[in-house]
Amino acid sequence: MDFNSNKPIYRQIVDFSFSRIISRDWVAGQRVSSVRELATALAVNSHTVLKAYEYLQDEQIIYPRRGLGFFLADDAAERVNNARRKEFFDTTLVELFNEMKLLDISIEDIVEQYRKNN
């Protein structure tokens, strides 16, 4: 966790979880680390991990099983991809367009650079 980042720690934990899901370190139906286990591994407060898990649960990426912990939903990877795409379009792209405007960079400039790099 980057404690100097402007991004809240619980969101960094969500991003960490997203990375684990996308990389297939966590697979559908598998039990994910408990709140206490992840808090210890990441050296953060368990309430912060709980907040991240509540977000993941609200997004139906994980689900609880009474007495057993949290498990990864069958369609978790698809849900993570959708959430990341939404964040890209709602936040990252808006910030990029603002920066482009400040630097007087056109869409054509971006397309040209894209073609050079691919």
PDB file of N, CA and C in Angstrom:
ATOM      1  N   MET A   1       0.830  -1.170   0.000  1.00  0.00           N
ATOM      2  CA  MET A   1       0.000   0.000   0.000  1.00  0.00           C
ATOM      3  C   MET A   1       0.883   1.244   0.000  1.00  0.00           C
ATOM      4  N   ASP A   2       0.425   2.220  -0.763  1.00  0.00           N
ATOM      5  CA  ASP A   2       1.145   3.488  -0.827  1.00  0.00           C
ATOM      6  C   ASP A   2       0.445   4.461   0.106  1.00  0.00           C
ATOM      7  N   PHE A   3       0.990   4.605   1.303  1.00  0.00           N
ATOM      8  CA  PHE A   3       0.363   5.446   2.314  1.00  0.00           C
ATOM      9  C   PHE A   3       0.513   6.933   2.005  1.00  0.00           C
ATOM     10  N   ASN A   4       1.312   7.279   1.002  1.00  0.00           N
ATOM     11  CA  ASN A   4       1.485   8.673   0.600  1.00  0.00           C
ATOM     12  C   ASN A   4       0.607   9.038  -0.593  1.00  0.00           C
ATOM     13  N   SER A   5      -0.122   8.078  -1.103  1.00  0.00           N
ATOM     14  CA  SER A   5      -0.978   8.294  -2.261  1.00  0.00           C
ATOM     15  C   SER A   5      -2.226   9.080  -1.871  1.00  0.00           C
ATOM     16  N   ASN A   6      -2.784   9.784  -2.858  1.00  0.00           N
ATOM     17  CA  ASN A   6      -4.059  10.479  -2.639  1.00  0.00           C
ATOM     18  C   ASN A   6      -5.237   9.514  -2.656  1.00  0.00           C
ATOM     19  N   LYS A   7      -5.000   8.306  -3.168  1.00  0.00           N
ATOM     20  CA  LYS A   7      -6.067   7.311  -3.260  1.00  0.00           C
ATOM     21  C   LYS A   7      -6.258   6.671  -1.882  1.00  0.00           C
ATOM     22  N   PRO A   8      -7.503   6.603  -1.402  1.00  0.00           N
ATOM     23  CA  PRO A   8      -7.739   5.984  -0.089  1.00  0.00           C
ATOM     24  C   PRO A   8      -7.217   4.545  -0.030  1.00  0.00           C
ATOM     25  N   ILE A   9      -6.778   4.151   1.153  1.00  0.00           N
ATOM     26  CA  ILE A   9      -6.195   2.817   1.334  1.00  0.00           C
ATOM     27  C   ILE A   9      -7.199   1.733   0.942  1.00  0.00           C
ATOM     28  N   TYR A  10      -8.468   1.899   1.316  1.00  0.00           N
ATOM     29  CA  TYR A  10      -9.439   0.854   0.983  1.00  0.00           C
ATOM     30  C   TYR A  10      -9.559   0.693  -0.532  1.00  0.00           C
ATOM     31  N   ARG A  11      -9.426   1.803  -1.298  1.00  0.00           N
ATOM     32  CA  ARG A  11      -9.481   1.709  -2.764  1.00  0.00           C
ATOM     33  C   ARG A  11      -8.225   1.031  -3.303  1.00  0.00           C
ATOM     34  N   GLN A  12      -7.094   1.249  -2.642  1.00  0.00           N
ATOM     35  CA  GLN A  12      -5.872   0.556  -3.040  1.00  0.00           C
ATOM     36  C   GLN A  12      -6.022  -0.949  -2.799  1.00  0.00           C
ATOM     37  N   ILE A  13      -6.735  -1.309  -1.744  1.00  0.00           N
ATOM     38  CA  ILE A  13      -6.982  -2.724  -1.455  1.00  0.00           C
ATOM     39  C   ILE A  13      -7.930  -3.305  -2.507  1.00  0.00           C
ATOM     40  N   VAL A  14      -8.918  -2.524  -2.910  1.00  0.00           N
ATOM     41  CA  VAL A  14      -9.814  -2.952  -3.993  1.00  0.00           C
ATOM     42  C   VAL A  14      -8.994  -3.173  -5.257  1.00  0.00           C
ATOM     43  N   ASP A  15      -8.105  -2.237  -5.586  1.00  0.00           N
ATOM     44  CA  ASP A  15      -7.257  -2.384  -6.771  1.00  0.00           C
ATOM     45  C   ASP A  15      -6.351  -3.612  -6.649  1.00  0.00           C
ATOM     46  N   PHE A  16      -5.807  -3.832  -5.464  1.00  0.00           N
ATOM     47  CA  PHE A  16      -4.988  -5.018  -5.196  1.00  0.00           C
ATOM     48  C   PHE A  16      -5.815  -6.283  -5.463  1.00  0.00           C
ATOM     49  N   SER A  17      -7.045  -6.293  -4.980  1.00  0.00           N
ATOM     50  CA  SER A  17      -7.931  -7.440  -5.194  1.00  0.00           C
ATOM     51  C   SER A  17      -8.249  -7.614  -6.673  1.00  0.00           C
ATOM     52  N   PHE A  18      -8.510  -6.499  -7.363  1.00  0.00           N
ATOM     53  CA  PHE A  18      -8.758  -6.552  -8.804  1.00  0.00           C
ATOM     54  C   PHE A  18      -7.575  -7.199  -9.517  1.00  0.00           C
ATOM     55  N   SER A  19      -6.366  -6.808  -9.140  1.00  0.00           N
ATOM     56  CA  SER A  19      -5.161  -7.362  -9.763  1.00  0.00           C
ATOM     57  C   SER A  19      -5.060  -8.864  -9.532  1.00  0.00           C
ATOM     58  N   ARG A  20      -5.385  -9.298  -8.325  1.00  0.00           N
ATOM     59  CA  ARG A  20      -5.340 -10.728  -8.002  1.00  0.00           C
ATOM     60  C   ARG A  20      -6.354 -11.506  -8.836  1.00  0.00           C
ATOM     61  N   ILE A  21      -7.500 -10.903  -9.068  1.00  0.00           N
ATOM     62  CA  ILE A  21      -8.557 -11.560  -9.837  1.00  0.00           C
ATOM     63  C   ILE A  21      -8.182 -11.616 -11.315  1.00  0.00           C
ATOM     64  N   ILE A  22      -7.740 -10.489 -11.863  1.00  0.00           N
ATOM     65  CA  ILE A  22      -7.374 -10.423 -13.285  1.00  0.00           C
ATOM     66  C   ILE A  22      -6.199 -11.346 -13.594  1.00  0.00           C
ATOM     67  N   SER A  23      -5.244 -11.437 -12.665  1.00  0.00           N
ATOM     68  CA  SER A  23      -4.069 -12.289 -12.894  1.00  0.00           C
ATOM     69  C   SER A  23      -4.355 -13.762 -12.591  1.00  0.00           C
ATOM     70  N   ARG A  24      -5.573 -14.038 -12.152  1.00  0.00           N
ATOM     71  CA  ARG A  24      -6.013 -15.400 -11.831  1.00  0.00           C
ATOM     72  C   ARG A  24      -5.332 -15.977 -10.583  1.00  0.00           C
ATOM     73  N   ASP A  25      -4.757 -15.109  -9.742  1.00  0.00           N
ATOM     74  CA  ASP A  25      -4.248 -15.573  -8.446  1.00  0.00           C
ATOM     75  C   ASP A  25      -5.424 -15.983  -7.552  1.00  0.00           C
ATOM     76  N   TRP A  26      -6.538 -15.277  -7.723  1.00  0.00           N
ATOM     77  CA  TRP A  26      -7.793 -15.656  -7.066  1.00  0.00           C
ATOM     78  C   TRP A  26      -8.707 -16.163  -8.175  1.00  0.00           C
ATOM     79  N   VAL A  27      -9.241 -17.359  -8.014  1.00  0.00           N
ATOM     80  CA  VAL A  27     -10.091 -17.950  -9.046  1.00  0.00           C
ATOM     81  C   VAL A  27     -11.521 -18.091  -8.558  1.00  0.00           C
ATOM     82  N   ALA A  28     -12.446 -18.123  -9.500  1.00  0.00           N
ATOM     83  CA  ALA A  28     -13.875 -18.206  -9.203  1.00  0.00           C
ATOM     84  C   ALA A  28     -14.168 -19.356  -8.242  1.00  0.00           C
ATOM     85  N   GLY A  29     -14.982 -19.064  -7.254  1.00  0.00           N
ATOM     86  CA  GLY A  29     -15.395 -20.066  -6.277  1.00  0.00           C
ATOM     87  C   GLY A  29     -14.409 -20.274  -5.143  1.00  0.00           C
ATOM     88  N   GLN A  30     -13.215 -19.729  -5.274  1.00  0.00           N
ATOM     89  CA  GLN A  30     -12.172 -19.904  -4.260  1.00  0.00           C
ATOM     90  C   GLN A  30     -12.415 -18.969  -3.075  1.00  0.00           C
ATOM     91  N   ARG A  31     -12.043 -19.440  -1.882  1.00  0.00           N
ATOM     92  CA  ARG A  31     -12.091 -18.601  -0.692  1.00  0.00           C
ATOM     93  C   ARG A  31     -10.964 -17.589  -0.801  1.00  0.00           C
ATOM     94  N   VAL A  32     -11.281 -16.325  -0.539  1.00  0.00           N
ATOM     95  CA  VAL A  32     -10.252 -15.285  -0.543  1.00  0.00           C
ATOM     96  C   VAL A  32      -9.767 -15.092   0.888  1.00  0.00           C
ATOM     97  N   SER A  33      -8.655 -14.429   1.032  1.00  0.00           N
ATOM     98  CA  SER A  33      -8.087 -14.193   2.356  1.00  0.00           C
ATOM     99  C   SER A  33      -9.132 -13.565   3.275  1.00  0.00           C
ATOM    100  N   SER A  34      -9.084 -13.948   4.535  1.00  0.00           N
ATOM    101  CA  SER A  34      -9.995 -13.339   5.502  1.00  0.00           C
ATOM    102  C   SER A  34      -9.595 -11.882   5.698  1.00  0.00           C
ATOM    103  N   VAL A  35     -10.485 -11.118   6.285  1.00  0.00           N
ATOM    104  CA  VAL A  35     -10.200  -9.718   6.573  1.00  0.00           C
ATOM    105  C   VAL A  35      -8.937  -9.615   7.413  1.00  0.00           C
ATOM    106  N   ARG A  36      -8.853 -10.411   8.441  1.00  0.00           N
ATOM    107  CA  ARG A  36      -7.694 -10.373   9.342  1.00  0.00           C
ATOM    108  C   ARG A  36      -6.410 -10.794   8.619  1.00  0.00           C
ATOM    109  N   GLU A  37      -6.494 -11.851   7.801  1.00  0.00           N
ATOM    110  CA  GLU A  37      -5.316 -12.317   7.061  1.00  0.00           C
ATOM    111  C   GLU A  37      -4.786 -11.237   6.112  1.00  0.00           C
ATOM    112  N   LEU A  38      -5.698 -10.625   5.375  1.00  0.00           N
ATOM    113  CA  LEU A  38      -5.271  -9.615   4.412  1.00  0.00           C
ATOM    114  C   LEU A  38      -4.757  -8.363   5.122  1.00  0.00           C
ATOM    115  N   ALA A  39      -5.406  -7.979   6.211  1.00  0.00           N
ATOM    116  CA  ALA A  39      -4.943  -6.822   6.983  1.00  0.00           C
ATOM    117  C   ALA A  39      -3.520  -7.034   7.475  1.00  0.00           C
ATOM    118  N   THR A  40      -3.249  -8.236   7.959  1.00  0.00           N
ATOM    119  CA  THR A  40      -1.899  -8.552   8.434  1.00  0.00           C
ATOM    120  C   THR A  40      -0.906  -8.547   7.273  1.00  0.00           C
ATOM    121  N   ALA A  41      -1.268  -9.163   6.159  1.00  0.00           N
ATOM    122  CA  ALA A  41      -0.368  -9.244   5.001  1.00  0.00           C
ATOM    123  C   ALA A  41      -0.049  -7.860   4.439  1.00  0.00           C
ATOM    124  N   LEU A  42      -1.027  -6.959   4.457  1.00  0.00           N
ATOM    125  CA  LEU A  42      -0.834  -5.633   3.875  1.00  0.00           C
ATOM    126  C   LEU A  42      -0.438  -4.579   4.909  1.00  0.00           C
ATOM    127  N   ALA A  43      -0.385  -4.985   6.170  1.00  0.00           N
ATOM    128  CA  ALA A  43      -0.031  -4.080   7.280  1.00  0.00           C
ATOM    129  C   ALA A  43      -0.968  -2.876   7.354  1.00  0.00           C
ATOM    130  N   VAL A  44      -2.274  -3.179   7.302  1.00  0.00           N
ATOM    131  CA  VAL A  44      -3.284  -2.132   7.424  1.00  0.00           C
ATOM    132  C   VAL A  44      -4.301  -2.549   8.479  1.00  0.00           C
ATOM    133  N   ASN A  45      -5.143  -1.616   8.867  1.00  0.00           N
ATOM    134  CA  ASN A  45      -6.188  -1.866   9.840  1.00  0.00           C
ATOM    135  C   ASN A  45      -7.248  -2.792   9.244  1.00  0.00           C
ATOM    136  N   SER A  46      -7.739  -3.726  10.039  1.00  0.00           N
ATOM    137  CA  SER A  46      -8.742  -4.674   9.537  1.00  0.00           C
ATOM    138  C   SER A  46     -10.034  -3.975   9.127  1.00  0.00           C
ATOM    139  N   HIS A  47     -10.352  -2.835   9.738  1.00  0.00           N
ATOM    140  CA  HIS A  47     -11.557  -2.091   9.337  1.00  0.00           C
ATOM    141  C   HIS A  47     -11.417  -1.554   7.907  1.00  0.00           C
ATOM    142  N   THR A  48     -10.200  -1.236   7.513  1.00  0.00           N
ATOM    143  CA  THR A  48      -9.948  -0.753   6.157  1.00  0.00           C
ATOM    144  C   THR A  48     -10.161  -1.884   5.153  1.00  0.00           C
ATOM    145  N   VAL A  49      -9.674  -3.063   5.476  1.00  0.00           N
ATOM    146  CA  VAL A  49      -9.893  -4.229   4.613  1.00  0.00           C
ATOM    147  C   VAL A  49     -11.384  -4.547   4.552  1.00  0.00           C
ATOM    148  N   LEU A  50     -12.058  -4.464   5.687  1.00  0.00           N
ATOM    149  CA  LEU A  50     -13.497  -4.726   5.719  1.00  0.00           C
ATOM    150  C   LEU A  50     -14.238  -3.768   4.793  1.00  0.00           C
ATOM    151  N   LYS A  51     -13.841  -2.499   4.794  1.00  0.00           N
ATOM    152  CA  LYS A  51     -14.474  -1.517   3.902  1.00  0.00           C
ATOM    153  C   LYS A  51     -14.250  -1.906   2.437  1.00  0.00           C
ATOM    154  N   ALA A  52     -13.041  -2.354   2.108  1.00  0.00           N
ATOM    155  CA  ALA A  52     -12.753  -2.807   0.743  1.00  0.00           C
ATOM    156  C   ALA A  52     -13.605  -4.028   0.398  1.00  0.00           C
ATOM    157  N   TYR A  53     -13.696  -4.972   1.326  1.00  0.00           N
ATOM    158  CA  TYR A  53     -14.503  -6.175   1.093  1.00  0.00           C
ATOM    159  C   TYR A  53     -15.987  -5.837   0.954  1.00  0.00           C
ATOM    160  N   GLU A  54     -16.455  -4.845   1.693  1.00  0.00           N
ATOM    161  CA  GLU A  54     -17.842  -4.415   1.552  1.00  0.00           C
ATOM    162  C   GLU A  54     -18.088  -3.862   0.158  1.00  0.00           C
ATOM    163  N   TYR A  55     -17.119  -3.102  -0.358  1.00  0.00           N
ATOM    164  CA  TYR A  55     -17.224  -2.594  -1.722  1.00  0.00           C
ATOM    165  C   TYR A  55     -17.283  -3.769  -2.707  1.00  0.00           C
ATOM    166  N   LEU A  56     -16.367  -4.716  -2.564  1.00  0.00           N
ATOM    167  CA  LEU A  56     -16.328  -5.880  -3.457  1.00  0.00           C
ATOM    168  C   LEU A  56     -17.619  -6.692  -3.355  1.00  0.00           C
ATOM    169  N   GLN A  57     -18.164  -6.766  -2.166  1.00  0.00           N
ATOM    170  CA  GLN A  57     -19.420  -7.488  -1.976  1.00  0.00           C
ATOM    171  C   GLN A  57     -20.579  -6.720  -2.625  1.00  0.00           C
ATOM    172  N   ASP A  58     -20.609  -5.396  -2.460  1.00  0.00           N
ATOM    173  CA  ASP A  58     -21.649  -4.573  -3.091  1.00  0.00           C
ATOM    174  C   ASP A  58     -21.621  -4.706  -4.607  1.00  0.00           C
ATOM    175  N   GLU A  59     -20.413  -4.891  -5.156  1.00  0.00           N
ATOM    176  CA  GLU A  59     -20.253  -5.049  -6.607  1.00  0.00           C
ATOM    177  C   GLU A  59     -20.440  -6.511  -7.042  1.00  0.00           C
ATOM    178  N   GLN A  60     -20.766  -7.375  -6.106  1.00  0.00           N
ATOM    179  CA  GLN A  60     -21.011  -8.804  -6.334  1.00  0.00           C
ATOM    180  C   GLN A  60     -19.784  -9.521  -6.902  1.00  0.00           C
ATOM    181  N   ILE A  61     -18.606  -9.070  -6.470  1.00  0.00           N
ATOM    182  CA  ILE A  61     -17.358  -9.694  -6.883  1.00  0.00           C
ATOM    183  C   ILE A  61     -16.983 -10.793  -5.898  1.00  0.00           C
ATOM    184  N   ILE A  62     -17.291 -10.569  -4.632  1.00  0.00           N
ATOM    185  CA  ILE A  62     -17.132 -11.601  -3.605  1.00  0.00           C
ATOM    186  C   ILE A  62     -18.454 -11.764  -2.885  1.00  0.00           C
ATOM    187  N   TYR A  63     -18.609 -12.883  -2.219  1.00  0.00           N
ATOM    188  CA  TYR A  63     -19.816 -13.120  -1.438  1.00  0.00           C
ATOM    189  C   TYR A  63     -19.426 -13.885  -0.168  1.00  0.00           C
ATOM    190  N   PRO A  64     -20.176 -13.645   0.912  1.00  0.00           N
ATOM    191  CA  PRO A  64     -19.840 -14.317   2.174  1.00  0.00           C
ATOM    192  C   PRO A  64     -20.538 -15.672   2.292  1.00  0.00           C
ATOM    193  N   ARG A  65     -19.879 -16.573   2.992  1.00  0.00           N
ATOM    194  CA  ARG A  65     -20.498 -17.834   3.417  1.00  0.00           C
ATOM    195  C   ARG A  65     -20.355 -17.871   4.933  1.00  0.00           C
ATOM    196  N   ARG A  66     -21.480 -17.919   5.601  1.00  0.00           N
ATOM    197  CA  ARG A  66     -21.477 -17.846   7.061  1.00  0.00           C
ATOM    198  C   ARG A  66     -20.512 -18.864   7.664  1.00  0.00           C
ATOM    199  N   GLY A  67     -19.596 -18.336   8.458  1.00  0.00           N
ATOM    200  CA  GLY A  67     -18.643 -19.182   9.156  1.00  0.00           C
ATOM    201  C   GLY A  67     -17.460 -19.647   8.328  1.00  0.00           C
ATOM    202  N   LEU A  68     -17.479 -19.357   7.021  1.00  0.00           N
ATOM    203  CA  LEU A  68     -16.409 -19.827   6.137  1.00  0.00           C
ATOM    204  C   LEU A  68     -15.574 -18.698   5.546  1.00  0.00           C
ATOM    205  N   GLY A  69     -16.116 -17.500   5.483  1.00  0.00           N
ATOM    206  CA  GLY A  69     -15.393 -16.365   4.921  1.00  0.00           C
ATOM    207  C   GLY A  69     -15.989 -15.887   3.615  1.00  0.00           C
ATOM    208  N   PHE A  70     -15.163 -15.202   2.850  1.00  0.00           N
ATOM    209  CA  PHE A  70     -15.588 -14.650   1.566  1.00  0.00           C
ATOM    210  C   PHE A  70     -15.065 -15.506   0.427  1.00  0.00           C
ATOM    211  N   PHE A  71     -15.872 -15.590  -0.620  1.00  0.00           N
ATOM    212  CA  PHE A  71     -15.529 -16.387  -1.798  1.00  0.00           C
ATOM    213  C   PHE A  71     -15.691 -15.539  -3.046  1.00  0.00           C
ATOM    214  N   LEU A  72     -14.921 -15.887  -4.055  1.00  0.00           N
ATOM    215  CA  LEU A  72     -14.941 -15.152  -5.311  1.00  0.00           C
ATOM    216  C   LEU A  72     -16.116 -15.615  -6.166  1.00  0.00           C
ATOM    217  N   ALA A  73     -16.883 -14.659  -6.659  1.00  0.00           N
ATOM    218  CA  ALA A  73     -18.030 -14.966  -7.512  1.00  0.00           C
ATOM    219  C   ALA A  73     -17.567 -15.600  -8.823  1.00  0.00           C
ATOM    220  N   ASP A  74     -18.435 -16.401  -9.401  1.00  0.00           N
ATOM    221  CA  ASP A  74     -18.106 -17.090 -10.654  1.00  0.00           C
ATOM    222  C   ASP A  74     -17.773 -16.120 -11.783  1.00  0.00           C
ATOM    223  N   ASP A  75     -18.447 -14.968 -11.808  1.00  0.00           N
ATOM    224  CA  ASP A  75     -18.220 -13.983 -12.862  1.00  0.00           C
ATOM    225  C   ASP A  75     -17.385 -12.799 -12.375  1.00  0.00           C
ATOM    226  N   ALA A  76     -16.570 -13.025 -11.358  1.00  0.00           N
ATOM    227  CA  ALA A  76     -15.775 -11.942 -10.756  1.00  0.00           C
ATOM    228  C   ALA A  76     -14.859 -11.262 -11.763  1.00  0.00           C
ATOM    229  N   ALA A  77     -14.181 -12.028 -12.601  1.00  0.00           N
ATOM    230  CA  ALA A  77     -13.246 -11.432 -13.571  1.00  0.00           C
ATOM    231  C   ALA A  77     -13.983 -10.492 -14.525  1.00  0.00           C
ATOM    232  N   GLU A  78     -15.151 -10.904 -14.972  1.00  0.00           N
ATOM    233  CA  GLU A  78     -15.955 -10.065 -15.867  1.00  0.00           C
ATOM    234  C   GLU A  78     -16.418  -8.802 -15.145  1.00  0.00           C
ATOM    235  N   ARG A  79     -16.841  -8.947 -13.902  1.00  0.00           N
ATOM    236  CA  ARG A  79     -17.284  -7.792 -13.112  1.00  0.00           C
ATOM    237  C   ARG A  79     -16.128  -6.822 -12.856  1.00  0.00           C
ATOM    238  N   VAL A  80     -14.948  -7.370 -12.576  1.00  0.00           N
ATOM    239  CA  VAL A  80     -13.767  -6.524 -12.366  1.00  0.00           C
ATOM    240  C   VAL A  80     -13.440  -5.771 -13.646  1.00  0.00           C
ATOM    241  N   ASN A  81     -13.468  -6.466 -14.767  1.00  0.00           N
ATOM    242  CA  ASN A  81     -13.185  -5.817 -16.047  1.00  0.00           C
ATOM    243  C   ASN A  81     -14.175  -4.682 -16.305  1.00  0.00           C
ATOM    244  N   ASN A  82     -15.445  -4.922 -16.036  1.00  0.00           N
ATOM    245  CA  ASN A  82     -16.464  -3.887 -16.223  1.00  0.00           C
ATOM    246  C   ASN A  82     -16.224  -2.702 -15.287  1.00  0.00           C
ATOM    247  N   ALA A  83     -15.874  -2.979 -14.041  1.00  0.00           N
ATOM    248  CA  ALA A  83     -15.612  -1.913 -13.069  1.00  0.00           C
ATOM    249  C   ALA A  83     -14.391  -1.091 -13.482  1.00  0.00           C
ATOM    250  N   ARG A  84     -13.357  -1.770 -13.964  1.00  0.00           N
ATOM    251  CA  ARG A  84     -12.143  -1.061 -14.394  1.00  0.00           C
ATOM    252  C   ARG A  84     -12.410  -0.225 -15.647  1.00  0.00           C
ATOM    253  N   ARG A  85     -13.210  -0.748 -16.556  1.00  0.00           N
ATOM    254  CA  ARG A  85     -13.572   0.016 -17.760  1.00  0.00           C
ATOM    255  C   ARG A  85     -14.365   1.263 -17.372  1.00  0.00           C
ATOM    256  N   LYS A  86     -15.306   1.106 -16.448  1.00  0.00           N
ATOM    257  CA  LYS A  86     -16.106   2.242 -15.993  1.00  0.00           C
ATOM    258  C   LYS A  86     -15.208   3.305 -15.368  1.00  0.00           C
ATOM    259  N   GLU A  87     -14.278   2.881 -14.512  1.00  0.00           N
ATOM    260  CA  GLU A  87     -13.352   3.827 -13.891  1.00  0.00           C
ATOM    261  C   GLU A  87     -12.493   4.516 -14.949  1.00  0.00           C
ATOM    262  N   PHE A  88     -12.069   3.767 -15.954  1.00  0.00           N
ATOM    263  CA  PHE A  88     -11.267   4.350 -17.031  1.00  0.00           C
ATOM    264  C   PHE A  88     -12.040   5.456 -17.727  1.00  0.00           C
ATOM    265  N   PHE A  89     -13.279   5.171 -18.129  1.00  0.00           N
ATOM    266  CA  PHE A  89     -14.060   6.159 -18.862  1.00  0.00           C
ATOM    267  C   PHE A  89     -14.512   7.315 -17.981  1.00  0.00           C
ATOM    268  N   ASP A  90     -14.836   7.030 -16.713  1.00  0.00           N
ATOM    269  CA  ASP A  90     -15.348   8.070 -15.812  1.00  0.00           C
ATOM    270  C   ASP A  90     -14.258   8.937 -15.200  1.00  0.00           C
ATOM    271  N   THR A  91     -13.058   8.388 -15.038  1.00  0.00           N
ATOM    272  CA  THR A  91     -12.010   9.124 -14.327  1.00  0.00           C
ATOM    273  C   THR A  91     -10.761   9.323 -15.177  1.00  0.00           C
ATOM    274  N   THR A  92     -10.141   8.231 -15.568  1.00  0.00           N
ATOM    275  CA  THR A  92      -8.857   8.307 -16.260  1.00  0.00           C
ATOM    276  C   THR A  92      -8.965   9.087 -17.561  1.00  0.00           C
ATOM    277  N   LEU A  93      -9.966   8.779 -18.350  1.00  0.00           N
ATOM    278  CA  LEU A  93     -10.118   9.447 -19.642  1.00  0.00           C
ATOM    279  C   LEU A  93     -10.430  10.931 -19.463  1.00  0.00           C
ATOM    280  N   VAL A  94     -11.243  11.263 -18.484  1.00  0.00           N
ATOM    281  CA  VAL A  94     -11.560  12.666 -18.210  1.00  0.00           C
ATOM    282  C   VAL A  94     -10.285  13.423 -17.841  1.00  0.00           C
ATOM    283  N   GLU A  95      -9.467  12.819 -16.971  1.00  0.00           N
ATOM    284  CA  GLU A  95      -8.197  13.447 -16.582  1.00  0.00           C
ATOM    285  C   GLU A  95      -7.269  13.584 -17.790  1.00  0.00           C
ATOM    286  N   LEU A  96      -7.222  12.559 -18.634  1.00  0.00           N
ATOM    287  CA  LEU A  96      -6.395  12.604 -19.839  1.00  0.00           C
ATOM    288  C   LEU A  96      -6.848  13.731 -20.764  1.00  0.00           C
ATOM    289  N   PHE A  97      -8.145  13.841 -20.994  1.00  0.00           N
ATOM    290  CA  PHE A  97      -8.649  14.901 -21.866  1.00  0.00           C
ATOM    291  C   PHE A  97      -8.333  16.281 -21.302  1.00  0.00           C
ATOM    292  N   ASN A  98      -8.436  16.439 -20.004  1.00  0.00           N
ATOM    293  CA  ASN A  98      -8.092  17.719 -19.388  1.00  0.00           C
ATOM    294  C   ASN A  98      -6.616  18.047 -19.598  1.00  0.00           C
ATOM    295  N   GLU A  99      -5.757  17.051 -19.417  1.00  0.00           N
ATOM    296  CA  GLU A  99      -4.317  17.238 -19.620  1.00  0.00           C
ATOM    297  C   GLU A  99      -4.020  17.539 -21.091  1.00  0.00           C
ATOM    298  N   MET A 100      -4.703  16.844 -21.993  1.00  0.00           N
ATOM    299  CA  MET A 100      -4.514  17.103 -23.425  1.00  0.00           C
ATOM    300  C   MET A 100      -4.881  18.548 -23.766  1.00  0.00           C
ATOM    301  N   LYS A 101      -5.956  19.020 -23.186  1.00  0.00           N
ATOM    302  CA  LYS A 101      -6.393  20.388 -23.444  1.00  0.00           C
ATOM    303  C   LYS A 101      -5.345  21.383 -22.946  1.00  0.00           C
ATOM    304  N   LEU A 102      -4.815  21.143 -21.755  1.00  0.00           N
ATOM    305  CA  LEU A 102      -3.792  22.026 -21.197  1.00  0.00           C
ATOM    306  C   LEU A 102      -2.529  22.058 -22.057  1.00  0.00           C
ATOM    307  N   LEU A 103      -2.177  20.904 -22.618  1.00  0.00           N
ATOM    308  CA  LEU A 103      -0.947  20.788 -23.398  1.00  0.00           C
ATOM    309  C   LEU A 103      -1.166  20.986 -24.899  1.00  0.00           C
ATOM    310  N   ASP A 104      -2.416  21.285 -25.274  1.00  0.00           N
ATOM    311  CA  ASP A 104      -2.771  21.484 -26.674  1.00  0.00           C
ATOM    312  C   ASP A 104      -2.404  20.251 -27.518  1.00  0.00           C
ATOM    313  N   ILE A 105      -2.822  19.102 -27.048  1.00  0.00           N
ATOM    314  CA  ILE A 105      -2.619  17.838 -27.760  1.00  0.00           C
ATOM    315  C   ILE A 105      -3.957  17.429 -28.359  1.00  0.00           C
ATOM    316  N   SER A 106      -3.956  17.129 -29.642  1.00  0.00           N
ATOM    317  CA  SER A 106      -5.198  16.753 -30.319  1.00  0.00           C
ATOM    318  C   SER A 106      -5.383  15.234 -30.311  1.00  0.00           C
ATOM    319  N   ILE A 107      -6.588  14.829 -30.638  1.00  0.00           N
ATOM    320  CA  ILE A 107      -6.885  13.402 -30.794  1.00  0.00           C
ATOM    321  C   ILE A 107      -6.003  12.823 -31.903  1.00  0.00           C
ATOM    322  N   GLU A 108      -5.789  13.601 -32.959  1.00  0.00           N
ATOM    323  CA  GLU A 108      -4.939  13.156 -34.060  1.00  0.00           C
ATOM    324  C   GLU A 108      -3.510  12.894 -33.581  1.00  0.00           C
ATOM    325  N   ASP A 109      -3.011  13.750 -32.675  1.00  0.00           N
ATOM    326  CA  ASP A 109      -1.677  13.537 -32.103  1.00  0.00           C
ATOM    327  C   ASP A 109      -1.623  12.210 -31.346  1.00  0.00           C
ATOM    328  N   ILE A 110      -2.675  11.932 -30.628  1.00  0.00           N
ATOM    329  CA  ILE A 110      -2.748  10.685 -29.852  1.00  0.00           C
ATOM    330  C   ILE A 110      -2.784   9.485 -30.801  1.00  0.00           C
ATOM    331  N   VAL A 111      -3.608   9.569 -31.834  1.00  0.00           N
ATOM    332  CA  VAL A 111      -3.717   8.473 -32.806  1.00  0.00           C
ATOM    333  C   VAL A 111      -2.368   8.229 -33.470  1.00  0.00           C
ATOM    334  N   GLU A 112      -1.684   9.303 -33.820  1.00  0.00           N
ATOM    335  CA  GLU A 112      -0.364   9.171 -34.450  1.00  0.00           C
ATOM    336  C   GLU A 112       0.614   8.458 -33.507  1.00  0.00           C
ATOM    337  N   GLN A 113       0.634   8.848 -32.251  1.00  0.00           N
ATOM    338  CA  GLN A 113       1.521   8.204 -31.276  1.00  0.00           C
ATOM    339  C   GLN A 113       1.134   6.747 -31.073  1.00  0.00           C
ATOM    340  N   TYR A 114      -0.155   6.479 -31.059  1.00  0.00           N
ATOM    341  CA  TYR A 114      -0.643   5.108 -30.895  1.00  0.00           C
ATOM    342  C   TYR A 114      -0.138   4.239 -32.046  1.00  0.00           C
ATOM    343  N   ARG A 115      -0.246   4.742 -33.242  1.00  0.00           N
ATOM    344  CA  ARG A 115       0.198   3.990 -34.427  1.00  0.00           C
ATOM    345  C   ARG A 115       1.699   3.749 -34.411  1.00  0.00           C
ATOM    346  N   LYS A 116       2.460   4.721 -33.929  1.00  0.00           N
ATOM    347  CA  LYS A 116       3.914   4.561 -33.831  1.00  0.00           C
ATOM    348  C   LYS A 116       4.297   3.470 -32.831  1.00  0.00           C
ATOM    349  N   ASN A 117       3.523   3.347 -31.778  1.00  0.00           N
ATOM    350  CA  ASN A 117       3.837   2.410 -30.702  1.00  0.00           C
ATOM    351  C   ASN A 117       3.224   1.022 -30.878  1.00  0.00           C
ATOM    352  N   ASN A 118       2.403   0.851 -31.896  1.00  0.00           N
ATOM    353  CA  ASN A 118       1.761  -0.469 -32.094  1.00  0.00           C
ATOM    354  C   ASN A 118       2.053  -1.042 -33.427  1.00  0.00           C
TER     355      ASN A 118
END
